N, C-alpha and C. Protein backbone atom coordinates (compact mmCIF):
# COMPACT_ATOMS: atom_id res chain seq x y z
N UNK A 1 11.15 27.24 -40.49
CA UNK A 1 10.08 26.98 -39.54
C UNK A 1 10.61 27.21 -38.12
N UNK A 2 9.88 27.97 -37.30
CA UNK A 2 10.30 28.30 -35.96
C UNK A 2 9.99 27.15 -35.01
N UNK A 3 10.71 27.12 -33.87
CA UNK A 3 10.52 26.05 -32.90
C UNK A 3 9.11 26.04 -32.35
N UNK A 4 8.52 27.23 -32.16
CA UNK A 4 7.14 27.29 -31.65
C UNK A 4 6.16 26.67 -32.64
N UNK A 5 6.41 26.87 -33.94
CA UNK A 5 5.54 26.27 -34.95
C UNK A 5 5.66 24.75 -34.95
N UNK A 6 6.87 24.25 -34.78
CA UNK A 6 7.08 22.81 -34.72
C UNK A 6 6.37 22.21 -33.51
N UNK A 7 6.53 22.86 -32.35
CA UNK A 7 5.88 22.37 -31.13
C UNK A 7 4.37 22.32 -31.30
N UNK A 8 3.81 23.37 -31.85
CA UNK A 8 2.36 23.42 -32.03
C UNK A 8 1.90 22.41 -33.07
N UNK A 9 2.71 22.16 -34.08
CA UNK A 9 2.37 21.18 -35.12
C UNK A 9 2.19 19.80 -34.49
N UNK A 10 3.17 19.39 -33.68
CA UNK A 10 3.09 18.06 -33.07
C UNK A 10 1.98 17.99 -32.03
N UNK A 11 1.81 19.03 -31.25
CA UNK A 11 0.74 19.03 -30.25
C UNK A 11 -0.63 18.87 -30.92
N UNK A 12 -0.84 19.58 -32.03
CA UNK A 12 -2.10 19.49 -32.75
C UNK A 12 -2.32 18.11 -33.33
N UNK A 13 -1.28 17.54 -33.95
CA UNK A 13 -1.39 16.21 -34.55
C UNK A 13 -1.74 15.17 -33.50
N UNK A 14 -1.06 15.21 -32.36
CA UNK A 14 -1.30 14.22 -31.32
C UNK A 14 -2.68 14.36 -30.70
N UNK A 15 -3.22 15.58 -30.69
CA UNK A 15 -4.52 15.80 -30.05
C UNK A 15 -5.70 15.55 -30.99
N UNK A 16 -5.46 15.49 -32.30
CA UNK A 16 -6.58 15.39 -33.24
C UNK A 16 -6.59 14.12 -34.09
N UNK A 17 -5.44 13.42 -34.20
CA UNK A 17 -5.36 12.25 -35.07
C UNK A 17 -5.18 10.96 -34.27
N UNK A 18 -5.50 9.86 -34.90
CA UNK A 18 -5.26 8.54 -34.32
C UNK A 18 -3.80 8.15 -34.55
N UNK A 19 -3.25 7.29 -33.69
CA UNK A 19 -1.85 6.89 -33.86
C UNK A 19 -1.52 6.35 -35.24
N UNK A 20 -2.45 5.65 -35.87
CA UNK A 20 -2.19 5.09 -37.20
C UNK A 20 -2.05 6.17 -38.27
N UNK A 21 -2.42 7.41 -37.93
CA UNK A 21 -2.36 8.51 -38.90
C UNK A 21 -1.10 9.35 -38.75
N UNK A 22 -0.24 9.03 -37.78
CA UNK A 22 1.01 9.78 -37.62
C UNK A 22 2.02 9.23 -38.60
N UNK A 23 2.46 10.05 -39.55
CA UNK A 23 3.38 9.56 -40.56
C UNK A 23 4.76 9.26 -40.00
N UNK A 24 5.07 9.74 -38.80
CA UNK A 24 6.39 9.53 -38.21
C UNK A 24 6.41 8.36 -37.22
N UNK A 25 5.27 7.71 -37.02
CA UNK A 25 5.19 6.65 -36.03
C UNK A 25 5.04 5.29 -36.70
N UNK A 26 5.84 4.33 -36.25
CA UNK A 26 5.70 2.95 -36.72
C UNK A 26 5.15 2.09 -35.59
N UNK A 27 4.77 0.88 -35.92
CA UNK A 27 4.12 0.03 -34.93
C UNK A 27 5.08 -0.68 -34.00
N UNK A 28 6.37 -0.49 -34.20
CA UNK A 28 7.34 -1.16 -33.35
C UNK A 28 8.58 -0.30 -33.21
N UNK A 29 9.50 -0.76 -32.39
CA UNK A 29 10.77 -0.06 -32.24
C UNK A 29 11.58 -0.17 -33.53
N UNK A 30 12.51 0.76 -33.72
CA UNK A 30 13.32 0.74 -34.94
C UNK A 30 14.27 -0.46 -34.93
N UNK A 31 14.61 -0.98 -36.11
CA UNK A 31 15.59 -2.08 -36.17
C UNK A 31 16.92 -1.72 -35.51
N UNK A 32 17.32 -0.46 -35.61
CA UNK A 32 18.58 -0.04 -35.00
C UNK A 32 18.53 -0.18 -33.48
N UNK A 33 17.42 0.23 -32.88
CA UNK A 33 17.29 0.12 -31.43
C UNK A 33 17.22 -1.34 -31.01
N UNK A 34 16.46 -2.12 -31.73
CA UNK A 34 16.34 -3.55 -31.41
C UNK A 34 17.71 -4.21 -31.46
N UNK A 35 18.51 -3.87 -32.46
CA UNK A 35 19.84 -4.44 -32.58
C UNK A 35 20.73 -4.04 -31.42
N UNK A 36 20.63 -2.78 -30.97
CA UNK A 36 21.45 -2.32 -29.85
C UNK A 36 21.09 -3.05 -28.56
N UNK A 37 19.82 -3.40 -28.41
CA UNK A 37 19.38 -4.17 -27.25
C UNK A 37 19.89 -5.60 -27.35
N UNK A 38 19.69 -6.22 -28.49
CA UNK A 38 20.02 -7.64 -28.65
C UNK A 38 21.53 -7.89 -28.63
N UNK A 39 22.32 -6.91 -29.03
CA UNK A 39 23.78 -7.08 -29.04
C UNK A 39 24.45 -6.56 -27.78
N UNK A 40 23.68 -6.01 -26.86
CA UNK A 40 24.24 -5.54 -25.61
C UNK A 40 24.87 -4.17 -25.65
N UNK A 41 24.72 -3.45 -26.76
CA UNK A 41 25.22 -2.07 -26.81
C UNK A 41 24.52 -1.24 -25.74
N UNK A 42 23.23 -1.46 -25.57
CA UNK A 42 22.50 -0.91 -24.43
C UNK A 42 22.54 -1.97 -23.35
N UNK A 43 23.30 -1.77 -22.29
CA UNK A 43 23.53 -2.83 -21.30
C UNK A 43 22.28 -3.15 -20.47
N UNK A 44 22.24 -4.37 -19.98
CA UNK A 44 21.12 -4.80 -19.13
C UNK A 44 21.00 -3.89 -17.91
N UNK A 45 19.76 -3.57 -17.55
CA UNK A 45 19.51 -2.78 -16.36
C UNK A 45 19.77 -1.29 -16.51
N UNK A 46 20.06 -0.84 -17.72
CA UNK A 46 20.37 0.58 -17.92
C UNK A 46 19.16 1.46 -17.61
N UNK A 47 19.45 2.64 -17.12
CA UNK A 47 18.42 3.66 -16.90
C UNK A 47 18.37 4.52 -18.16
N UNK A 48 17.22 4.51 -18.84
CA UNK A 48 17.12 5.09 -20.19
C UNK A 48 16.13 6.24 -20.21
N UNK A 49 16.50 7.31 -20.92
CA UNK A 49 15.60 8.42 -21.20
C UNK A 49 15.32 8.44 -22.69
N UNK A 50 14.05 8.31 -23.07
CA UNK A 50 13.63 8.35 -24.48
C UNK A 50 13.04 9.73 -24.74
N UNK A 51 13.78 10.58 -25.45
CA UNK A 51 13.32 11.95 -25.67
C UNK A 51 12.52 12.05 -26.96
N UNK A 52 11.49 12.91 -26.95
CA UNK A 52 10.59 12.98 -28.09
C UNK A 52 9.94 11.62 -28.31
N UNK A 53 9.49 11.01 -27.24
CA UNK A 53 9.04 9.62 -27.27
C UNK A 53 7.72 9.40 -28.00
N UNK A 54 6.97 10.49 -28.27
CA UNK A 54 5.69 10.32 -28.96
C UNK A 54 4.75 9.44 -28.17
N UNK A 55 4.12 8.48 -28.84
CA UNK A 55 3.14 7.62 -28.17
C UNK A 55 3.79 6.46 -27.44
N UNK A 56 5.11 6.46 -27.35
CA UNK A 56 5.81 5.53 -26.47
C UNK A 56 6.18 4.18 -27.05
N UNK A 57 6.16 4.04 -28.36
CA UNK A 57 6.47 2.74 -28.97
C UNK A 57 7.82 2.20 -28.51
N UNK A 58 8.85 3.03 -28.57
CA UNK A 58 10.19 2.56 -28.21
C UNK A 58 10.38 2.51 -26.70
N UNK A 59 9.76 3.43 -25.97
CA UNK A 59 9.85 3.40 -24.51
C UNK A 59 9.24 2.11 -23.96
N UNK A 60 8.10 1.73 -24.49
CA UNK A 60 7.44 0.50 -24.05
C UNK A 60 8.26 -0.73 -24.44
N UNK A 61 8.82 -0.72 -25.65
CA UNK A 61 9.69 -1.82 -26.08
C UNK A 61 10.86 -1.99 -25.10
N UNK A 62 11.48 -0.89 -24.72
CA UNK A 62 12.61 -0.95 -23.80
C UNK A 62 12.17 -1.45 -22.42
N UNK A 63 11.02 -1.00 -21.96
CA UNK A 63 10.50 -1.47 -20.67
C UNK A 63 10.21 -2.96 -20.71
N UNK A 64 9.70 -3.45 -21.81
CA UNK A 64 9.44 -4.88 -21.98
C UNK A 64 10.72 -5.70 -21.89
N UNK A 65 11.84 -5.05 -22.20
CA UNK A 65 13.13 -5.73 -22.15
C UNK A 65 13.87 -5.49 -20.83
N UNK A 66 13.14 -5.00 -19.84
CA UNK A 66 13.66 -4.93 -18.49
C UNK A 66 14.40 -3.67 -18.12
N UNK A 67 14.34 -2.64 -18.95
CA UNK A 67 15.04 -1.40 -18.65
C UNK A 67 14.18 -0.47 -17.79
N UNK A 68 14.86 0.41 -17.06
CA UNK A 68 14.21 1.47 -16.29
C UNK A 68 14.08 2.66 -17.24
N UNK A 69 12.86 2.91 -17.72
CA UNK A 69 12.66 3.84 -18.84
C UNK A 69 11.83 5.05 -18.43
N UNK A 70 12.29 6.21 -18.90
CA UNK A 70 11.50 7.44 -18.82
C UNK A 70 11.25 7.92 -20.23
N UNK A 71 9.98 8.18 -20.55
CA UNK A 71 9.60 8.71 -21.85
C UNK A 71 9.22 10.17 -21.71
N UNK A 72 9.81 11.03 -22.54
CA UNK A 72 9.58 12.47 -22.44
C UNK A 72 9.10 13.00 -23.79
N UNK A 73 8.04 13.79 -23.75
CA UNK A 73 7.53 14.44 -24.96
C UNK A 73 6.88 15.75 -24.58
N UNK A 74 6.85 16.68 -25.53
CA UNK A 74 6.25 17.99 -25.28
C UNK A 74 4.73 17.94 -25.34
N UNK A 75 4.19 16.87 -25.94
CA UNK A 75 2.75 16.75 -26.11
C UNK A 75 2.13 15.89 -25.00
N UNK A 76 1.21 16.46 -24.23
CA UNK A 76 0.53 15.69 -23.19
C UNK A 76 -0.37 14.61 -23.79
N UNK A 77 -0.90 14.87 -24.98
CA UNK A 77 -1.74 13.86 -25.64
C UNK A 77 -0.92 12.66 -26.07
N UNK A 78 0.30 12.89 -26.54
CA UNK A 78 1.19 11.79 -26.89
C UNK A 78 1.51 10.95 -25.65
N UNK A 79 1.80 11.62 -24.55
CA UNK A 79 2.12 10.92 -23.31
C UNK A 79 0.94 10.10 -22.81
N UNK A 80 -0.26 10.64 -22.93
CA UNK A 80 -1.44 9.88 -22.51
C UNK A 80 -1.59 8.61 -23.33
N UNK A 81 -1.31 8.69 -24.63
CA UNK A 81 -1.36 7.49 -25.48
C UNK A 81 -0.25 6.52 -25.09
N UNK A 82 0.91 7.05 -24.70
CA UNK A 82 1.99 6.20 -24.23
C UNK A 82 1.61 5.45 -22.97
N UNK A 83 0.93 6.12 -22.06
CA UNK A 83 0.48 5.47 -20.83
C UNK A 83 -0.48 4.32 -21.14
N UNK A 84 -1.36 4.53 -22.11
CA UNK A 84 -2.30 3.48 -22.51
C UNK A 84 -1.56 2.29 -23.10
N UNK A 85 -0.53 2.57 -23.92
CA UNK A 85 0.24 1.49 -24.53
C UNK A 85 0.99 0.69 -23.46
N UNK A 86 1.59 1.39 -22.50
CA UNK A 86 2.31 0.72 -21.42
C UNK A 86 1.36 -0.13 -20.58
N UNK A 87 0.18 0.40 -20.31
CA UNK A 87 -0.81 -0.36 -19.54
C UNK A 87 -1.24 -1.62 -20.29
N UNK A 88 -1.42 -1.49 -21.61
CA UNK A 88 -1.83 -2.63 -22.42
C UNK A 88 -0.79 -3.76 -22.33
N UNK A 89 0.50 -3.39 -22.35
CA UNK A 89 1.56 -4.39 -22.30
C UNK A 89 1.96 -4.75 -20.87
N UNK A 90 1.40 -4.07 -19.90
CA UNK A 90 1.68 -4.40 -18.51
C UNK A 90 3.07 -4.06 -18.04
N UNK A 91 3.61 -2.91 -18.50
CA UNK A 91 4.94 -2.48 -18.09
C UNK A 91 4.89 -1.09 -17.46
N UNK A 92 5.91 -0.79 -16.68
CA UNK A 92 6.04 0.51 -16.03
C UNK A 92 6.99 1.40 -16.81
N UNK A 93 6.53 2.59 -17.15
CA UNK A 93 7.36 3.61 -17.77
C UNK A 93 7.13 4.91 -17.02
N UNK A 94 8.19 5.64 -16.74
CA UNK A 94 8.05 6.97 -16.14
C UNK A 94 7.78 7.96 -17.27
N UNK A 95 6.69 8.70 -17.19
CA UNK A 95 6.30 9.60 -18.27
C UNK A 95 6.46 11.06 -17.86
N UNK A 96 7.00 11.88 -18.75
CA UNK A 96 7.18 13.31 -18.48
C UNK A 96 6.68 14.13 -19.66
N UNK A 97 5.86 15.12 -19.37
CA UNK A 97 5.50 16.14 -20.37
C UNK A 97 6.45 17.30 -20.16
N UNK A 98 7.38 17.48 -21.07
CA UNK A 98 8.41 18.50 -20.86
C UNK A 98 9.11 18.82 -22.17
N UNK A 99 9.85 19.94 -22.15
CA UNK A 99 10.65 20.39 -23.29
C UNK A 99 12.05 19.81 -23.15
N UNK A 100 12.60 19.28 -24.23
CA UNK A 100 13.95 18.70 -24.18
C UNK A 100 15.02 19.75 -23.90
N UNK A 101 14.69 21.02 -24.04
CA UNK A 101 15.66 22.08 -23.74
C UNK A 101 15.73 22.40 -22.25
N UNK A 102 14.85 21.76 -21.48
CA UNK A 102 14.85 21.92 -20.02
C UNK A 102 14.37 20.63 -19.39
N UNK A 103 15.18 19.60 -19.46
CA UNK A 103 14.78 18.26 -19.00
C UNK A 103 14.70 18.22 -17.47
N UNK A 104 13.53 17.88 -16.91
CA UNK A 104 13.38 17.87 -15.45
C UNK A 104 13.90 16.59 -14.81
N UNK A 105 15.16 16.31 -15.04
CA UNK A 105 15.83 15.13 -14.50
C UNK A 105 17.18 15.58 -13.95
N UNK A 106 17.58 15.01 -12.82
CA UNK A 106 18.82 15.46 -12.19
C UNK A 106 20.04 15.09 -13.04
N UNK A 107 21.09 15.84 -12.86
CA UNK A 107 22.31 15.65 -13.63
C UNK A 107 22.98 14.32 -13.33
N UNK A 108 23.69 13.78 -14.33
CA UNK A 108 24.50 12.57 -14.18
C UNK A 108 23.71 11.39 -13.63
N UNK A 109 22.47 11.21 -14.12
CA UNK A 109 21.62 10.15 -13.57
C UNK A 109 21.14 9.13 -14.60
N UNK A 110 21.45 9.35 -15.89
CA UNK A 110 20.93 8.52 -16.97
C UNK A 110 22.07 7.77 -17.65
N UNK A 111 21.85 6.49 -17.94
CA UNK A 111 22.86 5.68 -18.63
C UNK A 111 22.80 5.84 -20.14
N UNK A 112 21.57 5.93 -20.68
CA UNK A 112 21.38 5.98 -22.12
C UNK A 112 20.26 6.96 -22.46
N UNK A 113 20.49 7.83 -23.43
CA UNK A 113 19.43 8.68 -23.99
C UNK A 113 19.18 8.20 -25.41
N UNK A 114 17.91 7.86 -25.70
CA UNK A 114 17.53 7.46 -27.05
C UNK A 114 16.72 8.57 -27.70
N UNK A 115 16.97 8.78 -28.98
CA UNK A 115 16.37 9.89 -29.72
C UNK A 115 16.05 9.42 -31.13
N UNK A 116 14.78 9.15 -31.38
CA UNK A 116 14.35 8.77 -32.72
C UNK A 116 13.46 9.89 -33.28
N UNK A 117 14.11 10.83 -33.97
CA UNK A 117 13.35 11.90 -34.62
C UNK A 117 13.12 13.14 -33.80
N UNK A 118 13.90 13.33 -32.73
CA UNK A 118 13.77 14.56 -31.94
C UNK A 118 14.77 15.62 -32.39
N UNK A 119 16.03 15.22 -32.57
CA UNK A 119 17.07 16.20 -32.88
C UNK A 119 16.75 17.02 -34.12
N UNK A 120 16.19 16.42 -35.16
CA UNK A 120 15.97 17.19 -36.38
C UNK A 120 14.86 18.23 -36.23
N UNK A 121 14.14 18.20 -35.10
CA UNK A 121 13.15 19.24 -34.83
C UNK A 121 13.75 20.43 -34.08
N UNK A 122 14.99 20.29 -33.66
CA UNK A 122 15.66 21.36 -32.92
C UNK A 122 16.26 22.36 -33.90
N UNK A 123 15.92 23.62 -33.74
CA UNK A 123 16.42 24.66 -34.64
C UNK A 123 17.91 24.93 -34.37
N UNK A 124 18.59 25.47 -35.36
CA UNK A 124 20.04 25.66 -35.30
C UNK A 124 20.47 26.45 -34.06
N UNK A 125 19.71 27.48 -33.72
CA UNK A 125 20.09 28.33 -32.59
C UNK A 125 19.87 27.63 -31.24
N UNK A 126 19.18 26.50 -31.24
CA UNK A 126 18.90 25.77 -29.99
C UNK A 126 19.79 24.55 -29.80
N UNK A 127 20.59 24.21 -30.80
CA UNK A 127 21.30 22.93 -30.76
C UNK A 127 22.34 22.85 -29.65
N UNK A 128 23.03 23.92 -29.40
CA UNK A 128 24.03 23.90 -28.33
C UNK A 128 23.37 23.62 -26.98
N UNK A 129 22.25 24.28 -26.72
CA UNK A 129 21.52 24.06 -25.47
C UNK A 129 21.00 22.64 -25.40
N UNK A 130 20.51 22.12 -26.52
CA UNK A 130 20.02 20.75 -26.59
C UNK A 130 21.13 19.76 -26.22
N UNK A 131 22.29 19.91 -26.86
CA UNK A 131 23.42 19.01 -26.60
C UNK A 131 23.87 19.11 -25.14
N UNK A 132 23.86 20.31 -24.60
CA UNK A 132 24.26 20.50 -23.21
C UNK A 132 23.31 19.80 -22.25
N UNK A 133 22.02 19.81 -22.57
CA UNK A 133 21.03 19.14 -21.71
C UNK A 133 21.21 17.62 -21.76
N UNK A 134 21.46 17.10 -22.95
CA UNK A 134 21.70 15.66 -23.07
C UNK A 134 22.94 15.28 -22.27
N UNK A 135 24.00 16.06 -22.41
CA UNK A 135 25.23 15.78 -21.68
C UNK A 135 25.02 15.92 -20.17
N UNK A 136 24.21 16.87 -19.77
CA UNK A 136 24.00 17.10 -18.33
C UNK A 136 23.35 15.90 -17.65
N UNK A 137 22.32 15.33 -18.27
CA UNK A 137 21.58 14.25 -17.60
C UNK A 137 22.31 12.91 -17.70
N UNK A 138 23.20 12.75 -18.69
CA UNK A 138 23.93 11.50 -18.85
C UNK A 138 25.06 11.37 -17.84
N UNK A 139 25.28 10.14 -17.39
CA UNK A 139 26.46 9.84 -16.59
C UNK A 139 27.70 9.92 -17.49
N UNK A 140 28.87 10.08 -16.90
CA UNK A 140 30.10 10.07 -17.69
C UNK A 140 30.21 8.73 -18.40
N UNK A 141 30.50 8.77 -19.70
CA UNK A 141 30.56 7.55 -20.49
C UNK A 141 29.21 7.07 -20.96
N UNK A 142 28.15 7.80 -20.63
CA UNK A 142 26.80 7.41 -21.03
C UNK A 142 26.60 7.52 -22.53
N UNK A 143 25.64 6.77 -23.04
CA UNK A 143 25.39 6.67 -24.48
C UNK A 143 24.22 7.56 -24.91
N UNK A 144 24.42 8.30 -25.97
CA UNK A 144 23.34 9.01 -26.65
C UNK A 144 23.23 8.43 -28.05
N UNK A 145 22.09 7.84 -28.37
CA UNK A 145 21.88 7.28 -29.69
C UNK A 145 20.77 8.04 -30.39
N UNK A 146 21.02 8.45 -31.63
CA UNK A 146 20.12 9.37 -32.32
C UNK A 146 19.90 8.97 -33.77
N UNK A 147 18.64 9.03 -34.19
CA UNK A 147 18.29 8.86 -35.60
C UNK A 147 17.50 10.09 -36.04
N UNK A 148 17.85 10.63 -37.21
CA UNK A 148 17.17 11.84 -37.67
C UNK A 148 17.18 11.88 -39.20
N UNK A 149 16.41 12.82 -39.75
CA UNK A 149 16.40 13.02 -41.19
C UNK A 149 17.72 13.65 -41.66
N UNK A 150 18.17 13.24 -42.84
CA UNK A 150 19.28 13.91 -43.50
C UNK A 150 18.73 14.91 -44.51
N UNK A 151 19.54 15.90 -44.86
CA UNK A 151 19.11 16.88 -45.87
C UNK A 151 19.53 16.42 -47.27
N UNK A 152 19.73 15.12 -47.45
CA UNK A 152 20.14 14.56 -48.73
C UNK A 152 19.12 13.53 -49.19
N UNK A 153 19.14 13.22 -50.47
CA UNK A 153 18.20 12.25 -51.03
C UNK A 153 18.94 11.22 -51.88
N UNK A 154 18.40 10.00 -51.96
CA UNK A 154 19.01 9.00 -52.83
C UNK A 154 18.79 9.36 -54.30
N UNK A 155 19.55 8.72 -55.19
CA UNK A 155 19.27 8.89 -56.61
C UNK A 155 20.46 9.22 -57.47
N UNK A 156 21.64 9.40 -56.87
CA UNK A 156 22.83 9.69 -57.66
C UNK A 156 24.01 9.01 -56.99
N UNK A 157 25.17 8.95 -57.66
CA UNK A 157 26.32 8.31 -57.05
C UNK A 157 26.70 8.93 -55.71
N UNK A 158 26.42 10.23 -55.57
CA UNK A 158 26.66 10.90 -54.31
C UNK A 158 25.37 11.57 -53.88
N UNK A 159 25.04 11.55 -52.56
CA UNK A 159 23.82 12.20 -52.10
C UNK A 159 23.78 13.68 -52.47
N UNK A 160 22.61 14.16 -52.82
CA UNK A 160 22.44 15.57 -53.16
C UNK A 160 21.37 16.17 -52.27
N UNK A 161 21.46 17.46 -52.03
CA UNK A 161 20.47 18.12 -51.19
C UNK A 161 19.13 18.18 -51.91
N UNK A 162 18.06 18.22 -51.10
CA UNK A 162 16.71 18.22 -51.64
C UNK A 162 15.93 19.42 -51.12
N UNK A 163 14.89 19.80 -51.85
CA UNK A 163 14.02 20.88 -51.38
C UNK A 163 12.67 20.34 -50.93
N UNK A 164 12.57 19.01 -50.75
CA UNK A 164 11.35 18.41 -50.24
C UNK A 164 10.98 19.07 -48.92
N UNK A 165 9.69 19.32 -48.68
CA UNK A 165 9.26 20.10 -47.53
C UNK A 165 9.80 19.56 -46.22
N UNK A 166 9.58 18.26 -45.96
CA UNK A 166 9.98 17.69 -44.67
C UNK A 166 11.49 17.75 -44.50
N UNK A 167 12.21 17.32 -45.54
CA UNK A 167 13.66 17.32 -45.42
C UNK A 167 14.21 18.74 -45.36
N UNK A 168 13.56 19.65 -46.09
CA UNK A 168 14.01 21.04 -46.09
C UNK A 168 13.88 21.66 -44.71
N UNK A 169 12.81 21.32 -44.00
CA UNK A 169 12.59 21.89 -42.68
C UNK A 169 13.27 21.10 -41.57
N UNK A 170 13.44 19.80 -41.75
CA UNK A 170 13.93 18.97 -40.66
C UNK A 170 15.26 18.27 -40.95
N UNK A 171 15.65 18.12 -42.22
CA UNK A 171 16.87 17.40 -42.53
C UNK A 171 18.12 18.17 -42.11
N UNK A 172 19.12 17.43 -41.63
CA UNK A 172 20.37 18.05 -41.21
C UNK A 172 21.55 17.35 -41.88
N UNK A 173 22.68 18.01 -41.91
CA UNK A 173 23.88 17.47 -42.52
C UNK A 173 24.77 16.81 -41.47
N UNK A 174 25.71 16.00 -41.93
CA UNK A 174 26.67 15.39 -41.01
C UNK A 174 27.50 16.47 -40.31
N UNK A 175 27.82 17.54 -41.03
CA UNK A 175 28.60 18.63 -40.44
C UNK A 175 27.85 19.26 -39.27
N UNK A 176 26.53 19.47 -39.45
CA UNK A 176 25.74 20.06 -38.38
C UNK A 176 25.68 19.16 -37.15
N UNK A 177 25.57 17.86 -37.39
CA UNK A 177 25.53 16.91 -36.28
C UNK A 177 26.86 16.91 -35.52
N UNK A 178 27.96 16.83 -36.26
CA UNK A 178 29.27 16.81 -35.62
C UNK A 178 29.54 18.11 -34.86
N UNK A 179 29.18 19.23 -35.44
CA UNK A 179 29.39 20.52 -34.77
C UNK A 179 28.56 20.63 -33.49
N UNK A 180 27.40 19.99 -33.47
CA UNK A 180 26.54 20.07 -32.30
C UNK A 180 27.07 19.26 -31.13
N UNK A 181 27.59 18.07 -31.39
CA UNK A 181 27.89 17.14 -30.30
C UNK A 181 29.37 16.94 -30.00
N UNK A 182 30.26 17.40 -30.87
CA UNK A 182 31.69 17.11 -30.69
C UNK A 182 32.27 17.67 -29.40
N UNK A 183 31.72 18.74 -28.88
CA UNK A 183 32.30 19.37 -27.69
C UNK A 183 32.16 18.50 -26.45
N UNK A 184 31.07 17.75 -26.34
CA UNK A 184 30.80 17.01 -25.11
C UNK A 184 30.76 15.50 -25.29
N UNK A 185 30.86 15.04 -26.54
CA UNK A 185 30.70 13.61 -26.82
C UNK A 185 31.78 13.10 -27.75
N UNK A 186 32.03 11.81 -27.65
CA UNK A 186 32.89 11.11 -28.60
C UNK A 186 32.00 10.33 -29.55
N UNK A 187 32.21 10.51 -30.85
CA UNK A 187 31.37 9.87 -31.85
C UNK A 187 31.80 8.43 -32.09
N UNK A 188 30.93 7.49 -31.79
CA UNK A 188 31.19 6.08 -32.02
C UNK A 188 30.77 5.66 -33.42
N UNK A 189 29.66 6.27 -33.92
CA UNK A 189 29.14 5.91 -35.24
C UNK A 189 28.32 7.06 -35.79
N UNK A 190 28.47 7.33 -37.09
CA UNK A 190 27.62 8.27 -37.80
C UNK A 190 27.37 7.65 -39.17
N UNK A 191 26.20 7.07 -39.33
CA UNK A 191 25.88 6.23 -40.48
C UNK A 191 24.73 6.82 -41.29
N UNK A 192 24.93 6.94 -42.59
CA UNK A 192 23.87 7.40 -43.48
C UNK A 192 23.02 6.19 -43.89
N UNK A 193 21.72 6.27 -43.65
CA UNK A 193 20.82 5.16 -43.95
C UNK A 193 19.70 5.67 -44.86
N UNK A 194 19.00 4.76 -45.51
CA UNK A 194 17.90 5.16 -46.37
C UNK A 194 16.79 4.13 -46.32
N UNK A 195 15.57 4.60 -46.54
CA UNK A 195 14.42 3.69 -46.64
C UNK A 195 14.06 3.45 -48.10
N UNK A 196 14.89 3.95 -49.02
CA UNK A 196 14.61 3.84 -50.44
C UNK A 196 14.75 2.40 -50.91
N UNK A 197 13.77 1.95 -51.71
CA UNK A 197 13.80 0.62 -52.32
C UNK A 197 13.93 0.78 -53.83
N UNK A 198 14.33 -0.28 -54.49
CA UNK A 198 14.52 -0.24 -55.95
C UNK A 198 13.26 0.25 -56.65
N UNK A 199 13.42 1.30 -57.45
CA UNK A 199 12.30 1.82 -58.21
C UNK A 199 11.37 2.72 -57.43
N UNK A 200 11.70 3.00 -56.18
CA UNK A 200 10.85 3.85 -55.35
C UNK A 200 11.65 5.04 -54.83
N UNK A 201 10.91 6.11 -54.53
CA UNK A 201 11.53 7.27 -53.92
C UNK A 201 11.60 7.05 -52.41
N UNK A 202 12.58 7.65 -51.81
CA UNK A 202 12.73 7.52 -50.37
C UNK A 202 13.49 8.71 -49.82
N UNK A 203 14.10 8.53 -48.67
CA UNK A 203 14.87 9.62 -48.08
C UNK A 203 16.05 9.03 -47.33
N UNK A 204 17.04 9.89 -47.08
CA UNK A 204 18.18 9.51 -46.28
C UNK A 204 17.95 9.96 -44.84
N UNK A 205 18.55 9.23 -43.94
CA UNK A 205 18.55 9.61 -42.54
C UNK A 205 19.91 9.31 -41.93
N UNK A 206 20.13 9.77 -40.71
CA UNK A 206 21.37 9.50 -39.99
C UNK A 206 21.07 8.62 -38.78
N UNK A 207 21.92 7.65 -38.56
CA UNK A 207 21.91 6.91 -37.29
C UNK A 207 23.27 7.13 -36.66
N UNK A 208 23.28 7.58 -35.41
CA UNK A 208 24.56 7.88 -34.77
C UNK A 208 24.56 7.42 -33.31
N UNK A 209 25.77 7.19 -32.81
CA UNK A 209 25.98 6.80 -31.42
C UNK A 209 27.10 7.66 -30.85
N UNK A 210 26.86 8.20 -29.67
CA UNK A 210 27.81 9.09 -29.03
C UNK A 210 27.98 8.72 -27.56
N UNK A 211 29.20 8.86 -27.05
CA UNK A 211 29.46 8.62 -25.63
C UNK A 211 29.92 9.91 -24.96
N UNK A 212 29.33 10.19 -23.82
CA UNK A 212 29.66 11.43 -23.10
C UNK A 212 31.11 11.39 -22.62
N UNK A 213 31.84 12.46 -22.89
CA UNK A 213 33.23 12.55 -22.48
C UNK A 213 33.35 12.77 -20.97
């Protein structure tokens, strides 16, 4: 699947469906992000950029916790829904309609970049540019935290690759992640996680934390 097809897919979904119909959106911030806030991994007062923010669930959560937050998404309809969510909760979020491959933010100005489901939409030929943009906007020592689909599935003693449509188009391997970010970042954590429950099918994903060198 080409990057233009992915961009148009999300733009169409955000412009035609209700938030409850987005299969990639949950009603709250991820447990991983909440834990990073509560344990101080994301320090108080940090300036945060939430890339691929969608309708702003996590951006608004971070703003509610006192952070200076910018939410960025390629879909103007997603951003408009994010503005409504922020208004409902009475918080300020800086909103940007932009491509993550050309982030309109000055260099070395962000403490933390959060990414829940953006990286796996980046095609292989774009990953170096993506990583360079994240590194550019982050301050030295800044944190990049990322969650994405894995190209593996639960069900055996060792994870095996799958041909499921979503994972086939969006899932990535640990090798691909390390190759993308190792040049500019130090890997603090790369954890394989799953939503699979006993007797049910699910999928694997990656949760990772990186610090800019």
